[in-house]
Amino acid sequence: MNIIYVLIPIAIIIVAVAIVAFFWAVKSNQFEDLERQGHSILFDDDVKPLSKSEPQERD
């Protein structure tokens, strides 16, 4: 029964830290653009197209 006196304050502290971390993330715009990473996998913007003057690599 004595362990309850330790566990309840620890649980309250952990919940308080989680709430503070959540509000910090919202305030610092961590959740501003959730779709960009999902769409970035569909497009290869970093790959430049081969021109006809460049030699092609052979495997």
PDB file of N, CA and C in Angstrom:
ATOM      1  N   MET A   1       0.810  -1.191   0.000  1.00  0.00           N
ATOM      2  CA  MET A   1       0.000   0.000   0.000  1.00  0.00           C
ATOM      3  C   MET A   1       0.857   1.261   0.000  1.00  0.00           C
ATOM      4  N   ASN A   2       2.033   1.179   0.568  1.00  0.00           N
ATOM      5  CA  ASN A   2       2.920   2.336   0.619  1.00  0.00           C
ATOM      6  C   ASN A   2       3.464   2.718  -0.756  1.00  0.00           C
ATOM      7  N   ILE A   3       3.525   1.745  -1.649  1.00  0.00           N
ATOM      8  CA  ILE A   3       4.039   2.023  -2.992  1.00  0.00           C
ATOM      9  C   ILE A   3       3.116   2.975  -3.755  1.00  0.00           C
ATOM     10  N   ILE A   4       1.844   2.990  -3.422  1.00  0.00           N
ATOM     11  CA  ILE A   4       0.879   3.895  -4.068  1.00  0.00           C
ATOM     12  C   ILE A   4       1.274   5.342  -3.825  1.00  0.00           C
ATOM     13  N   TYR A   5       1.805   5.625  -2.642  1.00  0.00           N
ATOM     14  CA  TYR A   5       2.219   6.984  -2.318  1.00  0.00           C
ATOM     15  C   TYR A   5       3.410   7.434  -3.157  1.00  0.00           C
ATOM     16  N   VAL A   6       4.118   6.501  -3.729  1.00  0.00           N
ATOM     17  CA  VAL A   6       5.250   6.821  -4.614  1.00  0.00           C
ATOM     18  C   VAL A   6       4.802   6.840  -6.073  1.00  0.00           C
ATOM     19  N   LEU A   7       3.991   5.870  -6.469  1.00  0.00           N
ATOM     20  CA  LEU A   7       3.624   5.728  -7.874  1.00  0.00           C
ATOM     21  C   LEU A   7       2.688   6.833  -8.379  1.00  0.00           C
ATOM     22  N   ILE A   8       1.775   7.277  -7.546  1.00  0.00           N
ATOM     23  CA  ILE A   8       0.828   8.304  -7.993  1.00  0.00           C
ATOM     24  C   ILE A   8       1.540   9.629  -8.289  1.00  0.00           C
ATOM     25  N   PRO A   9       2.421  10.137  -7.440  1.00  0.00           N
ATOM     26  CA  PRO A   9       3.144  11.364  -7.809  1.00  0.00           C
ATOM     27  C   PRO A   9       4.044  11.194  -9.037  1.00  0.00           C
ATOM     28  N   ILE A  10       4.653  10.023  -9.175  1.00  0.00           N
ATOM     29  CA  ILE A  10       5.488   9.773 -10.355  1.00  0.00           C
ATOM     30  C   ILE A  10       4.629   9.788 -11.611  1.00  0.00           C
ATOM     31  N   ALA A  11       3.465   9.172 -11.573  1.00  0.00           N
ATOM     32  CA  ALA A  11       2.562   9.161 -12.723  1.00  0.00           C
ATOM     33  C   ALA A  11       2.093  10.574 -13.059  1.00  0.00           C
ATOM     34  N   ILE A  12       1.802  11.382 -12.056  1.00  0.00           N
ATOM     35  CA  ILE A  12       1.369  12.763 -12.291  1.00  0.00           C
ATOM     36  C   ILE A  12       2.501  13.572 -12.932  1.00  0.00           C
ATOM     37  N   ILE A  13       3.718  13.362 -12.486  1.00  0.00           N
ATOM     38  CA  ILE A  13       4.862  14.064 -13.071  1.00  0.00           C
ATOM     39  C   ILE A  13       5.066  13.656 -14.519  1.00  0.00           C
ATOM     40  N   ILE A  14       4.955  12.365 -14.819  1.00  0.00           N
ATOM     41  CA  ILE A  14       5.135  11.891 -16.194  1.00  0.00           C
ATOM     42  C   ILE A  14       4.056  12.457 -17.112  1.00  0.00           C
ATOM     43  N   VAL A  15       2.829  12.489 -16.660  1.00  0.00           N
ATOM     44  CA  VAL A  15       1.737  13.052 -17.457  1.00  0.00           C
ATOM     45  C   VAL A  15       1.954  14.547 -17.677  1.00  0.00           C
ATOM     46  N   ALA A  16       2.394  15.254 -16.653  1.00  0.00           N
ATOM     47  CA  ALA A  16       2.652  16.685 -16.783  1.00  0.00           C
ATOM     48  C   ALA A  16       3.766  16.955 -17.791  1.00  0.00           C
ATOM     49  N   VAL A  17       4.814  16.147 -17.762  1.00  0.00           N
ATOM     50  CA  VAL A  17       5.911  16.304 -18.729  1.00  0.00           C
ATOM     51  C   VAL A  17       5.418  16.021 -20.145  1.00  0.00           C
ATOM     52  N   ALA A  18       4.587  15.018 -20.322  1.00  0.00           N
ATOM     53  CA  ALA A  18       4.044  14.697 -21.644  1.00  0.00           C
ATOM     54  C   ALA A  18       3.159  15.826 -22.163  1.00  0.00           C
ATOM     55  N   ILE A  19       2.366  16.419 -21.306  1.00  0.00           N
ATOM     56  CA  ILE A  19       1.501  17.530 -21.728  1.00  0.00           C
ATOM     57  C   ILE A  19       2.342  18.746 -22.110  1.00  0.00           C
ATOM     58  N   VAL A  20       3.366  19.043 -21.334  1.00  0.00           N
ATOM     59  CA  VAL A  20       4.255  20.169 -21.657  1.00  0.00           C
ATOM     60  C   VAL A  20       4.969  19.909 -22.980  1.00  0.00           C
ATOM     61  N   ALA A  21       5.442  18.698 -23.215  1.00  0.00           N
ATOM     62  CA  ALA A  21       6.109  18.364 -24.470  1.00  0.00           C
ATOM     63  C   ALA A  21       5.155  18.492 -25.655  1.00  0.00           C
ATOM     64  N   PHE A  22       3.916  18.087 -25.484  1.00  0.00           N
ATOM     65  CA  PHE A  22       2.940  18.208 -26.563  1.00  0.00           C
ATOM     66  C   PHE A  22       2.672  19.662 -26.907  1.00  0.00           C
ATOM     67  N   PHE A  23       2.442  20.498 -25.891  1.00  0.00           N
ATOM     68  CA  PHE A  23       2.169  21.914 -26.160  1.00  0.00           C
ATOM     69  C   PHE A  23       3.395  22.621 -26.726  1.00  0.00           C
ATOM     70  N   TRP A  24       4.609  22.216 -26.334  1.00  0.00           N
ATOM     71  CA  TRP A  24       5.821  22.774 -26.929  1.00  0.00           C
ATOM     72  C   TRP A  24       5.898  22.415 -28.416  1.00  0.00           C
ATOM     73  N   ALA A  25       5.563  21.169 -28.762  1.00  0.00           N
ATOM     74  CA  ALA A  25       5.609  20.742 -30.157  1.00  0.00           C
ATOM     75  C   ALA A  25       4.578  21.497 -30.992  1.00  0.00           C
ATOM     76  N   VAL A  26       3.408  21.733 -30.448  1.00  0.00           N
ATOM     77  CA  VAL A  26       2.384  22.489 -31.171  1.00  0.00           C
ATOM     78  C   VAL A  26       2.819  23.939 -31.338  1.00  0.00           C
ATOM     79  N   LYS A  27       3.382  24.518 -30.303  1.00  0.00           N
ATOM     80  CA  LYS A  27       3.802  25.921 -30.362  1.00  0.00           C
ATOM     81  C   LYS A  27       4.963  26.126 -31.331  1.00  0.00           C
ATOM     82  N   SER A  28       5.836  25.156 -31.473  1.00  0.00           N
ATOM     83  CA  SER A  28       6.987  25.292 -32.369  1.00  0.00           C
ATOM     84  C   SER A  28       6.698  24.741 -33.764  1.00  0.00           C
ATOM     85  N   ASN A  29       5.425  24.563 -34.103  1.00  0.00           N
ATOM     86  CA  ASN A  29       4.967  24.184 -35.448  1.00  0.00           C
ATOM     87  C   ASN A  29       5.498  22.830 -35.913  1.00  0.00           C
ATOM     88  N   GLN A  30       5.610  21.880 -35.030  1.00  0.00           N
ATOM     89  CA  GLN A  30       6.053  20.544 -35.409  1.00  0.00           C
ATOM     90  C   GLN A  30       4.988  19.803 -36.223  1.00  0.00           C
ATOM     91  N   PHE A  31       3.738  20.191 -36.073  1.00  0.00           N
ATOM     92  CA  PHE A  31       2.644  19.511 -36.751  1.00  0.00           C
ATOM     93  C   PHE A  31       2.096  20.341 -37.903  1.00  0.00           C
ATOM     94  N   GLU A  32       2.874  21.283 -38.424  1.00  0.00           N
ATOM     95  CA  GLU A  32       2.395  22.213 -39.434  1.00  0.00           C
ATOM     96  C   GLU A  32       2.125  21.517 -40.772  1.00  0.00           C
ATOM     97  N   ASP A  33       3.056  20.708 -41.247  1.00  0.00           N
ATOM     98  CA  ASP A  33       2.927  20.096 -42.569  1.00  0.00           C
ATOM     99  C   ASP A  33       3.072  18.583 -42.448  1.00  0.00           C
ATOM    100  N   LEU A  34       1.971  17.901 -42.251  1.00  0.00           N
ATOM    101  CA  LEU A  34       2.012  16.447 -42.069  1.00  0.00           C
ATOM    102  C   LEU A  34       1.961  15.695 -43.390  1.00  0.00           C
ATOM    103  N   GLU A  35       1.545  16.339 -44.460  1.00  0.00           N
ATOM    104  CA  GLU A  35       1.376  15.658 -45.742  1.00  0.00           C
ATOM    105  C   GLU A  35       2.644  15.657 -46.596  1.00  0.00           C
ATOM    106  N   ARG A  36       3.571  16.563 -46.366  1.00  0.00           N
ATOM    107  CA  ARG A  36       4.740  16.698 -47.231  1.00  0.00           C
ATOM    108  C   ARG A  36       5.570  15.431 -47.281  1.00  0.00           C
ATOM    109  N   GLN A  37       5.841  14.834 -46.143  1.00  0.00           N
ATOM    110  CA  GLN A  37       6.667  13.632 -46.126  1.00  0.00           C
ATOM    111  C   GLN A  37       5.967  12.457 -46.800  1.00  0.00           C
ATOM    112  N   GLY A  38       4.660  12.406 -46.701  1.00  0.00           N
ATOM    113  CA  GLY A  38       3.923  11.341 -47.364  1.00  0.00           C
ATOM    114  C   GLY A  38       3.928  11.482 -48.877  1.00  0.00           C
ATOM    115  N   HIS A  39       3.927  12.710 -49.358  1.00  0.00           N
ATOM    116  CA  HIS A  39       3.937  12.950 -50.798  1.00  0.00           C
ATOM    117  C   HIS A  39       5.350  12.940 -51.375  1.00  0.00           C
ATOM    118  N   SER A  40       6.344  13.212 -50.570  1.00  0.00           N
ATOM    119  CA  SER A  40       7.706  13.305 -51.097  1.00  0.00           C
ATOM    120  C   SER A  40       8.222  11.956 -51.598  1.00  0.00           C
ATOM    121  N   ILE A  41       7.669  10.864 -51.104  1.00  0.00           N
ATOM    122  CA  ILE A  41       8.122   9.554 -51.567  1.00  0.00           C
ATOM    123  C   ILE A  41       7.647   9.275 -52.996  1.00  0.00           C
ATOM    124  N   LEU A  42       6.623   9.981 -53.427  1.00  0.00           N
ATOM    125  CA  LEU A  42       6.072   9.745 -54.755  1.00  0.00           C
ATOM    126  C   LEU A  42       6.833  10.465 -55.854  1.00  0.00           C
ATOM    127  N   PHE A  43       7.583  11.483 -55.510  1.00  0.00           N
ATOM    128  CA  PHE A  43       8.251  12.309 -56.510  1.00  0.00           C
ATOM    129  C   PHE A  43       9.760  12.254 -56.303  1.00  0.00           C
ATOM    130  N   ASP A  44      10.499  12.057 -57.397  1.00  0.00           N
ATOM    131  CA  ASP A  44      11.958  12.023 -57.337  1.00  0.00           C
ATOM    132  C   ASP A  44      12.498  13.356 -57.833  1.00  0.00           C
ATOM    133  N   ASP A  45      12.431  14.376 -57.015  1.00  0.00           N
ATOM    134  CA  ASP A  45      12.910  15.688 -57.409  1.00  0.00           C
ATOM    135  C   ASP A  45      14.429  15.781 -57.408  1.00  0.00           C
ATOM    136  N   ASP A  46      15.102  14.942 -56.655  1.00  0.00           N
ATOM    137  CA  ASP A  46      16.548  15.031 -56.558  1.00  0.00           C
ATOM    138  C   ASP A  46      17.274  14.300 -57.693  1.00  0.00           C
ATOM    139  N   VAL A  47      16.568  13.540 -58.506  1.00  0.00           N
ATOM    140  CA  VAL A  47      17.173  12.813 -59.615  1.00  0.00           C
ATOM    141  C   VAL A  47      17.030  13.651 -60.875  1.00  0.00           C
ATOM    142  N   LYS A  48      18.178  14.004 -61.482  1.00  0.00           N
ATOM    143  CA  LYS A  48      18.096  14.792 -62.706  1.00  0.00           C
ATOM    144  C   LYS A  48      17.999  13.847 -63.907  1.00  0.00           C
ATOM    145  N   PRO A  49      17.272  14.241 -64.927  1.00  0.00           N
ATOM    146  CA  PRO A  49      17.122  13.372 -66.101  1.00  0.00           C
ATOM    147  C   PRO A  49      18.423  13.318 -66.891  1.00  0.00           C
ATOM    148  N   LEU A  50      18.651  12.181 -67.538  1.00  0.00           N
ATOM    149  CA  LEU A  50      19.834  12.018 -68.363  1.00  0.00           C
ATOM    150  C   LEU A  50      19.658  12.776 -69.675  1.00  0.00           C
ATOM    151  N   SER A  51      20.695  13.509 -70.053  1.00  0.00           N
ATOM    152  CA  SER A  51      20.656  14.158 -71.359  1.00  0.00           C
ATOM    153  C   SER A  51      21.322  13.231 -72.377  1.00  0.00           C
ATOM    154  N   LYS A  52      21.107  13.481 -73.613  1.00  0.00           N
ATOM    155  CA  LYS A  52      21.637  12.596 -74.656  1.00  0.00           C
ATOM    156  C   LYS A  52      23.144  12.719 -74.789  1.00  0.00           C
ATOM    157  N   SER A  53      23.717  13.837 -74.349  1.00  0.00           N
ATOM    158  CA  SER A  53      25.166  14.014 -74.473  1.00  0.00           C
ATOM    159  C   SER A  53      25.931  13.316 -73.358  1.00  0.00           C
ATOM    160  N   GLU A  54      25.273  12.960 -72.270  1.00  0.00           N
ATOM    161  CA  GLU A  54      25.949  12.282 -71.170  1.00  0.00           C
ATOM    162  C   GLU A  54      26.045  10.782 -71.452  1.00  0.00           C
ATOM    163  N   PRO A  55      27.193  10.192 -71.205  1.00  0.00           N
ATOM    164  CA  PRO A  55      27.302   8.732 -71.388  1.00  0.00           C
ATOM    165  C   PRO A  55      26.491   7.991 -70.329  1.00  0.00           C
ATOM    166  N   GLN A  56      25.909   6.889 -70.740  1.00  0.00           N
ATOM    167  CA  GLN A  56      25.118   6.102 -69.811  1.00  0.00           C
ATOM    168  C   GLN A  56      26.017   5.102 -69.100  1.00  0.00           C
ATOM    169  N   GLU A  57      25.706   4.845 -67.836  1.00  0.00           N
ATOM    170  CA  GLU A  57      26.476   3.866 -67.081  1.00  0.00           C
ATOM    171  C   GLU A  57      25.992   2.468 -67.409  1.00  0.00           C
ATOM    172  N   ARG A  58      26.926   1.543 -67.449  1.00  0.00           N
ATOM    173  CA  ARG A  58      26.561   0.145 -67.701  1.00  0.00           C
ATOM    174  C   ARG A  58      26.733  -0.634 -66.416  1.00  0.00           C
ATOM    175  N   ASP A  59      25.828  -1.544 -66.193  1.00  0.00           N
ATOM    176  CA  ASP A  59      25.895  -2.376 -64.981  1.00  0.00           C
ATOM    177  C   ASP A  59      26.793  -3.559 -65.183  1.00  0.00           C
TER     178      ASP A  59
END
